[in-house]
N, C-alpha and C. Protein backbone atom coordinates (compact mmCIF):
# COMPACT_ATOMS: atom_id res chain seq x y z
N MET A 1 -74.58 -87.24 56.99
CA MET A 1 -73.88 -88.46 56.56
C MET A 1 -72.58 -88.60 57.37
N PRO A 2 -72.46 -89.65 58.16
CA PRO A 2 -71.26 -89.80 58.99
C PRO A 2 -70.02 -90.05 58.15
N MET A 3 -68.92 -89.44 58.55
CA MET A 3 -67.67 -89.61 57.81
C MET A 3 -67.15 -91.04 57.96
N LEU A 4 -67.21 -91.55 59.18
CA LEU A 4 -66.71 -92.90 59.43
C LEU A 4 -67.88 -93.82 59.73
N ARG A 5 -67.99 -94.89 58.96
CA ARG A 5 -69.06 -95.85 59.19
C ARG A 5 -68.44 -97.22 59.36
N ILE A 6 -68.77 -97.88 60.45
CA ILE A 6 -68.18 -99.19 60.72
C ILE A 6 -69.14 -100.27 60.22
N ASP A 7 -68.67 -101.03 59.25
CA ASP A 7 -69.47 -102.13 58.70
C ASP A 7 -68.79 -103.45 59.04
N GLN A 8 -69.58 -104.49 59.17
CA GLN A 8 -69.02 -105.81 59.48
C GLN A 8 -68.12 -106.29 58.35
N GLY A 9 -68.45 -105.93 57.12
CA GLY A 9 -67.70 -106.42 55.97
C GLY A 9 -66.40 -105.69 55.72
N ASN A 10 -66.09 -104.69 56.52
CA ASN A 10 -64.90 -103.88 56.26
C ASN A 10 -63.68 -104.31 57.06
N GLU A 11 -63.78 -105.43 57.77
CA GLU A 11 -62.65 -105.84 58.61
C GLU A 11 -61.42 -106.11 57.76
N ASN A 12 -61.58 -106.76 56.62
CA ASN A 12 -60.43 -107.05 55.76
C ASN A 12 -59.78 -105.77 55.29
N GLU A 13 -60.59 -104.80 54.86
CA GLU A 13 -60.04 -103.55 54.37
C GLU A 13 -59.28 -102.84 55.48
N GLU A 14 -59.82 -102.86 56.69
CA GLU A 14 -59.15 -102.19 57.80
C GLU A 14 -57.82 -102.87 58.11
N LYS A 15 -57.77 -104.19 58.03
CA LYS A 15 -56.51 -104.89 58.27
C LYS A 15 -55.49 -104.53 57.20
N GLN A 16 -55.94 -104.48 55.93
CA GLN A 16 -55.02 -104.11 54.86
C GLN A 16 -54.53 -102.69 55.05
N LEU A 17 -55.42 -101.79 55.44
CA LEU A 17 -55.05 -100.39 55.63
C LEU A 17 -54.05 -100.25 56.76
N SER A 18 -54.30 -100.91 57.88
CA SER A 18 -53.38 -100.79 59.01
C SER A 18 -52.02 -101.41 58.66
N ALA A 19 -52.03 -102.49 57.91
CA ALA A 19 -50.76 -103.10 57.49
C ALA A 19 -50.00 -102.16 56.57
N TYR A 20 -50.72 -101.48 55.67
CA TYR A 20 -50.10 -100.53 54.75
C TYR A 20 -49.49 -99.37 55.52
N ILE A 21 -50.24 -98.85 56.49
CA ILE A 21 -49.75 -97.72 57.29
C ILE A 21 -48.53 -98.14 58.10
N THR A 22 -48.59 -99.31 58.71
CA THR A 22 -47.46 -99.80 59.50
C THR A 22 -46.22 -99.95 58.63
N ASP A 23 -46.39 -100.50 57.43
CA ASP A 23 -45.27 -100.68 56.51
C ASP A 23 -44.68 -99.33 56.13
N ALA A 24 -45.54 -98.37 55.83
CA ALA A 24 -45.06 -97.04 55.44
C ALA A 24 -44.31 -96.39 56.61
N LEU A 25 -44.84 -96.51 57.81
CA LEU A 25 -44.18 -95.91 58.98
C LEU A 25 -42.82 -96.55 59.21
N GLU A 26 -42.73 -97.87 59.07
CA GLU A 26 -41.45 -98.55 59.26
C GLU A 26 -40.44 -98.07 58.23
N ARG A 27 -40.87 -97.90 56.98
CA ARG A 27 -39.94 -97.41 55.95
C ARG A 27 -39.44 -96.02 56.30
N ILE A 28 -40.34 -95.15 56.75
CA ILE A 28 -39.94 -93.79 57.10
C ILE A 28 -38.95 -93.81 58.26
N ILE A 29 -39.24 -94.61 59.28
CA ILE A 29 -38.35 -94.68 60.44
C ILE A 29 -36.98 -95.21 60.03
N PHE A 30 -36.95 -96.27 59.23
CA PHE A 30 -35.68 -96.85 58.81
C PHE A 30 -34.89 -95.85 57.98
N GLN A 31 -35.57 -95.09 57.12
CA GLN A 31 -34.88 -94.08 56.32
C GLN A 31 -34.28 -93.01 57.23
N ARG A 32 -35.02 -92.60 58.25
CA ARG A 32 -34.52 -91.57 59.16
C ARG A 32 -33.30 -92.08 59.92
N LEU A 33 -33.34 -93.36 60.31
CA LEU A 33 -32.23 -93.92 61.08
C LEU A 33 -31.07 -94.33 60.19
N GLY A 34 -31.33 -94.39 58.89
CA GLY A 34 -30.27 -94.76 57.96
C GLY A 34 -30.00 -96.25 57.95
N ILE A 35 -30.99 -97.05 58.30
CA ILE A 35 -30.82 -98.52 58.30
C ILE A 35 -31.06 -99.04 56.89
């Protein structure tokens, strides 16, 4: 059973996930910089 399976219907989930990760990374970076 493959760990990662690419389905046509998962594009929305992938966009939400990447947006969530980007948001989290920005928060971490801003906290480190003290902004």
